[in-house]
């Protein structure tokens, strides 16, 4: 059975990156919880995917231009339409800092991994990785062992420079280079020769080029392409996986999971961790 991470918490059940989604991930028996982090205007590491508010809240503005107090004033859960159990907190309690997520995860009473993705959609900001590590170390985290009590922590980013910064402090097996597909023809051209001469024409292509170079070199111990990219570049992905543990996103269907397991992938990130585990178990029983 693969290790299954709850993508932004159990985000099919409750609004992504909220306390309820994280709490449900524990109930679902996820092996790990994945979250995205930004810095607030007052330097607090907060759990939020987008660089701006609006898609998943009734707020507006840039996350990094708002204080923690301002960020907490918005509603991050009602858009999902899911009723919150009392044990998962009120609507006003759904926005989480990284420190609060660590405390939620610590209550799991079992081994659990936190997979923390540093987000740089609004420009590479080296302060973020420093703040993440400082926050964790303030809670007793040891970067050398990646441990804090029952928790193991890994770090992920699409930004190659962020991966380089993390590798300065964290063992390579705890650092994941994420990579997202761009124009399919350009990707194939980039890999057409043994030592591709990347000529990125846009920010997405810059990120892809930098991430691909680091995966080809085997810099990070975890390789994090999406399942669609694996299907598009399976031969290249197999090479990446020979150099790093594969952690693939976002895997919600049994078909995708079985395809990836057939490639030797053992870490899946899913919006539906409990359902996916159940489906895999049922399929194994039928085999």
Protein backbone atom coordinates (compact mmCIF):
# COMPACT_ATOMS: atom_id res chain seq x y z
CA UNK A 1 0.00 0.00 0.00
CA UNK A 2 1.42 3.42 -0.90
CA UNK A 3 1.79 6.27 1.54
CA UNK A 4 -1.11 8.67 1.02
CA UNK A 5 -0.92 12.39 1.80
CA UNK A 6 -4.04 14.49 2.28
CA UNK A 7 -3.82 17.29 -0.30
CA UNK A 8 -4.37 20.58 1.54
CA UNK A 9 -5.96 18.35 4.14
CA UNK A 10 -8.90 16.15 3.21
CA UNK A 11 -10.01 18.88 0.86
CA UNK A 12 -12.81 17.00 -0.86
CA UNK A 13 -14.60 16.94 2.49
CA UNK A 14 -13.87 20.43 3.82
CA UNK A 15 -12.41 23.65 2.46
CA UNK A 16 -8.75 23.30 1.55
CA UNK A 17 -6.05 24.26 4.05
CA UNK A 18 -8.57 24.80 6.86
CA UNK A 19 -8.58 23.35 10.33
CA UNK A 20 -11.51 21.08 9.41
CA UNK A 21 -9.68 19.66 6.37
CA UNK A 22 -6.59 18.98 8.49
CA UNK A 23 -8.64 17.39 11.29
CA UNK A 24 -10.49 15.20 8.77
CA UNK A 25 -7.16 14.02 7.35
CA UNK A 26 -6.36 12.57 10.77
CA UNK A 27 -9.76 10.87 10.91
CA UNK A 28 -9.19 9.52 7.40
CA UNK A 29 -5.96 7.86 8.47
CA UNK A 30 -3.78 9.77 6.03
CA UNK A 31 -0.08 9.02 6.31
CA UNK A 32 0.67 12.68 5.91
CA UNK A 33 -0.85 16.13 5.50
CA UNK A 34 0.20 18.42 2.67
CA UNK A 35 -0.21 22.16 3.05
CA UNK A 36 0.81 25.36 1.27
CA UNK A 37 2.36 28.28 3.13
CA UNK A 38 2.89 32.00 2.67
CA UNK A 39 4.17 34.80 4.90
CA UNK A 40 1.70 37.33 6.28
CA UNK A 41 2.59 41.02 6.38
CA UNK A 42 3.70 40.62 10.00
CA UNK A 43 5.93 37.65 9.24
CA UNK A 44 3.72 34.74 10.34
CA UNK A 45 3.77 31.53 8.29
CA UNK A 46 0.17 30.83 7.30
CA UNK A 47 -1.56 27.95 5.50
CA UNK A 48 -3.04 29.21 2.23
CA UNK A 49 -2.60 28.11 -1.37
CA UNK A 50 -3.11 31.22 -3.49
CA UNK A 51 -1.02 34.37 -3.26
CA UNK A 52 -4.25 36.34 -3.06
CA UNK A 53 -7.54 35.93 -1.24
CA UNK A 54 -10.87 35.48 -2.97
CA UNK A 55 -11.00 32.02 -4.52
CA UNK A 56 -11.39 30.26 -1.18
CA UNK A 57 -12.60 33.04 1.12
CA UNK A 58 -14.75 36.15 1.27
CA UNK A 59 -11.65 38.32 1.57
CA UNK A 60 -9.56 40.14 -1.01
CA UNK A 61 -5.99 41.32 -1.34
CA UNK A 62 -2.54 39.77 -1.21
CA UNK A 63 -1.74 37.37 1.64
CA UNK A 64 1.69 38.89 2.20
CA UNK A 65 0.20 42.40 2.46
CA UNK A 66 -2.25 41.47 5.22
CA UNK A 67 -1.53 40.91 8.91
CA UNK A 68 -2.46 37.70 10.66
CA UNK A 69 -5.28 39.56 12.45
CA UNK A 70 -6.64 40.77 9.11
CA UNK A 71 -6.34 37.32 7.53
CA UNK A 72 -8.25 35.75 10.42
CA UNK A 73 -11.15 38.13 9.90
CA UNK A 74 -12.34 36.37 6.73
CA UNK A 75 -14.46 33.26 6.16
CA UNK A 76 -12.48 30.43 4.54
CA UNK A 77 -14.95 27.57 4.80
CA UNK A 78 -18.52 28.56 3.92
CA UNK A 79 -17.90 28.47 0.15
CA UNK A 80 -17.45 24.70 0.40
CA UNK A 81 -20.97 24.21 1.73
CA UNK A 82 -19.93 21.53 4.25
CA UNK A 83 -21.30 21.69 7.78
CA UNK A 84 -18.49 21.88 10.32
CA UNK A 85 -18.56 19.37 13.19
CA UNK A 86 -18.20 21.10 16.55
CA UNK A 87 -14.93 19.24 17.17
CA UNK A 88 -13.43 20.85 14.05
CA UNK A 89 -13.97 24.41 15.20
CA UNK A 90 -16.20 27.26 14.17
CA UNK A 91 -16.13 29.15 10.87
CA UNK A 92 -14.05 31.83 12.61
CA UNK A 93 -11.45 29.24 13.63
CA UNK A 94 -10.70 27.69 10.23
CA UNK A 95 -7.73 29.81 9.14
CA UNK A 96 -4.50 28.15 10.34
CA UNK A 97 -0.94 29.21 10.91
CA UNK A 98 1.79 26.63 10.37
CA UNK A 99 2.34 26.49 14.12
CA UNK A 100 -1.34 25.66 14.64
CA UNK A 101 -1.20 22.92 12.02
CA UNK A 102 1.79 21.38 13.81
CA UNK A 103 -0.25 21.25 17.01
CA UNK A 104 -3.19 19.64 15.21
CA UNK A 105 -0.90 17.03 13.69
CA UNK A 106 0.79 16.37 17.01
CA UNK A 107 -2.58 15.23 18.41
CA UNK A 108 -2.75 12.39 15.89
CA UNK A 109 -1.29 9.96 18.42
CA UNK A 110 0.62 8.16 15.65
CA UNK A 111 3.43 8.72 13.19
CA UNK A 112 2.51 11.41 10.68
CA UNK A 113 4.35 13.44 8.05
CA UNK A 114 3.80 17.09 7.30
CA UNK A 115 4.60 18.02 3.70
CA UNK A 116 5.02 21.79 3.61
CA UNK A 117 4.97 23.50 0.22
CA UNK A 118 6.47 26.99 0.12
CA UNK A 119 4.58 29.15 -2.39
CA UNK A 120 6.22 31.81 -4.54
CA UNK A 121 3.53 32.69 -7.12
CA UNK A 122 4.07 36.42 -6.50
CA UNK A 123 7.87 36.30 -6.77
CA UNK A 124 10.67 34.34 -5.14
CA UNK A 125 10.98 35.43 -1.51
CA UNK A 126 13.85 33.76 0.39
CA UNK A 127 12.38 34.93 3.69
CA UNK A 128 9.68 32.27 3.45
CA UNK A 129 11.91 29.20 3.82
CA UNK A 130 13.83 30.89 6.63
CA UNK A 131 10.58 31.69 8.45
CA UNK A 132 9.22 28.16 7.98
CA UNK A 133 12.36 26.61 9.47
CA UNK A 134 12.48 29.17 12.30
CA UNK A 135 8.82 28.48 13.14
CA UNK A 136 9.41 24.73 13.25
CA UNK A 137 12.63 25.00 15.22
CA UNK A 138 10.81 27.18 17.74
CA UNK A 139 8.42 24.26 18.21
CA UNK A 140 11.22 21.74 18.76
CA UNK A 141 11.83 20.59 15.18
CA UNK A 142 15.30 19.25 14.38
CA UNK A 143 16.27 19.98 10.73
CA UNK A 144 18.95 17.27 10.75
CA UNK A 145 16.50 14.48 11.60
CA UNK A 146 13.35 16.22 10.26
CA UNK A 147 11.61 15.14 13.44
CA UNK A 148 9.43 16.72 16.11
CA UNK A 149 7.73 14.23 18.41
CA UNK A 150 5.47 12.00 16.32
CA UNK A 151 5.99 14.20 13.26
CA UNK A 152 8.34 13.96 10.33
CA UNK A 153 8.50 17.05 8.14
CA UNK A 154 9.31 17.33 4.44
CA UNK A 155 9.50 20.45 2.32
CA UNK A 156 8.38 21.08 -1.25
CA UNK A 157 8.42 23.87 -3.80
CA UNK A 158 7.99 24.54 -7.50
CA UNK A 159 10.57 27.33 -7.15
CA UNK A 160 14.01 25.81 -7.85
CA UNK A 161 15.77 28.52 -5.83
CA UNK A 162 13.63 27.62 -2.83
CA UNK A 163 14.64 23.97 -3.19
CA UNK A 164 18.29 25.03 -3.22
CA UNK A 165 17.77 27.02 -0.02
CA UNK A 166 16.05 24.11 1.70
CA UNK A 167 18.83 21.71 0.70
CA UNK A 168 21.26 23.92 2.64
CA UNK A 169 19.44 23.10 5.87
CA UNK A 170 17.54 19.84 5.37
CA UNK A 171 18.72 16.38 4.22
CA UNK A 172 17.89 15.75 0.55
CA UNK A 173 15.44 12.96 1.41
CA UNK A 174 13.26 15.61 3.04
CA UNK A 175 13.19 18.02 0.09
CA UNK A 176 10.82 17.66 -2.88
CA UNK A 177 11.29 19.40 -6.19
CA UNK A 178 7.80 19.94 -7.55
CA UNK A 179 7.38 20.32 -11.29
CA UNK A 180 4.35 21.31 -13.33
CA UNK A 181 3.75 20.64 -16.99
CA UNK A 182 3.91 23.44 -19.51
CA UNK A 183 3.57 23.38 -23.31
CA UNK A 184 3.84 19.72 -24.31
CA UNK A 185 5.84 20.34 -27.48
CA UNK A 186 8.33 22.52 -25.62
CA UNK A 187 8.74 19.88 -22.91
CA UNK A 188 9.48 17.20 -25.49
CA UNK A 189 11.94 19.48 -27.26
CA UNK A 190 13.69 20.21 -23.97
CA UNK A 191 14.32 16.50 -23.45
CA UNK A 192 15.12 15.67 -27.07
CA UNK A 193 18.88 15.75 -26.49
CA UNK A 194 21.00 14.28 -23.74
CA UNK A 195 21.90 17.62 -22.20
CA UNK A 196 18.90 19.84 -22.94
CA UNK A 197 19.63 23.49 -23.61
CA UNK A 198 16.67 25.07 -21.85
CA UNK A 199 15.49 28.36 -23.31
CA UNK A 200 12.55 29.37 -21.14
CA UNK A 201 10.26 31.96 -22.71
CA UNK A 202 7.99 32.54 -19.71
CA UNK A 203 7.87 32.21 -15.94
CA UNK A 204 6.19 28.77 -16.07
CA UNK A 205 8.90 27.56 -18.45
CA UNK A 206 11.62 29.01 -16.17
CA UNK A 207 10.20 27.03 -13.27
CA UNK A 208 9.91 23.89 -15.37
CA UNK A 209 13.46 24.23 -16.69
CA UNK A 210 14.98 24.80 -13.26
CA UNK A 211 13.00 21.99 -11.68
CA UNK A 212 13.83 19.57 -14.50
CA UNK A 213 17.53 20.33 -14.24
CA UNK A 214 17.50 19.62 -10.51
CA UNK A 215 15.58 16.39 -11.01
CA UNK A 216 17.96 15.27 -13.76
CA UNK A 217 20.89 15.92 -11.40
CA UNK A 218 19.14 14.16 -8.52
CA UNK A 219 19.57 17.15 -6.21
CA UNK A 220 16.38 16.62 -4.19
CA UNK A 221 15.48 13.30 -2.62
CA UNK A 222 11.82 13.62 -3.62
CA UNK A 223 10.46 14.16 -7.13
CA UNK A 224 7.03 15.77 -7.35
CA UNK A 225 5.45 15.91 -10.80
CA UNK A 226 1.70 15.82 -11.28
CA UNK A 227 0.11 12.64 -12.59
CA UNK A 228 -0.67 14.27 -15.97
CA UNK A 229 2.99 15.20 -16.43
CA UNK A 230 4.06 11.64 -15.58
CA UNK A 231 1.74 10.34 -18.29
CA UNK A 232 3.05 12.95 -20.76
CA UNK A 233 6.74 12.26 -20.06
CA UNK A 234 6.71 8.74 -18.65
CA UNK A 235 10.20 7.81 -19.85
CA UNK A 236 11.70 10.95 -18.32
CA UNK A 237 9.67 10.51 -15.14
CA UNK A 238 11.01 6.97 -14.77
CA UNK A 239 14.53 8.44 -14.87
CA UNK A 240 13.61 10.99 -12.20
CA UNK A 241 12.18 8.22 -10.05
CA UNK A 242 15.46 6.29 -10.32
CA UNK A 243 17.15 9.19 -8.54
CA UNK A 244 14.50 10.26 -6.06
CA UNK A 245 11.41 8.99 -4.27
CA UNK A 246 8.32 9.88 -6.31
CA UNK A 247 5.54 11.86 -4.60
CA UNK A 248 2.80 12.43 -7.17
CA UNK A 249 -0.13 14.85 -7.09
CA UNK A 250 -3.14 15.02 -7.30
CA UNK A 251 -4.26 11.39 -7.35
CA UNK A 252 -7.99 10.95 -6.74
CA UNK A 253 -8.88 8.03 -8.99
CA UNK A 254 -8.11 4.34 -8.65
CA UNK A 255 -7.04 4.29 -12.31
CA UNK A 256 -4.37 6.95 -11.74
CA UNK A 257 -3.21 5.30 -8.52
CA UNK A 258 -2.80 1.89 -10.13
CA UNK A 259 -0.97 3.38 -13.10
CA UNK A 260 1.49 5.12 -10.78
CA UNK A 261 1.98 2.07 -8.58
CA UNK A 262 2.83 0.19 -11.75
CA UNK A 263 5.70 2.64 -12.24
CA UNK A 264 6.94 1.99 -8.72
CA UNK A 265 5.53 5.17 -7.18
CA UNK A 266 4.91 4.80 -3.45
CA UNK A 267 3.75 8.27 -2.34
CA UNK A 268 0.45 9.72 -3.56
CA UNK A 269 -1.13 13.07 -2.69
CA UNK A 270 -4.93 12.99 -2.77
CA UNK A 271 -7.97 15.10 -1.98
CA UNK A 272 -9.74 11.87 -0.94
CA UNK A 273 -7.17 9.90 1.09
CA UNK A 274 -9.64 7.58 2.85
CA UNK A 275 -11.56 6.70 -0.32
CA UNK A 276 -8.38 6.10 -2.31
CA UNK A 277 -6.95 3.81 0.36
CA UNK A 278 -10.22 1.87 0.49
CA UNK A 279 -10.34 1.48 -3.28
CA UNK A 280 -6.73 0.27 -3.41
CA UNK A 281 -7.39 -2.24 -0.64
CA UNK A 282 -10.49 -3.55 -2.41
CA UNK A 283 -8.58 -3.85 -5.69
CA UNK A 284 -5.76 -5.73 -3.97
CA UNK A 285 -8.26 -8.12 -2.38
CA UNK A 286 -9.78 -8.87 -5.79
CA UNK A 287 -6.41 -9.50 -7.41
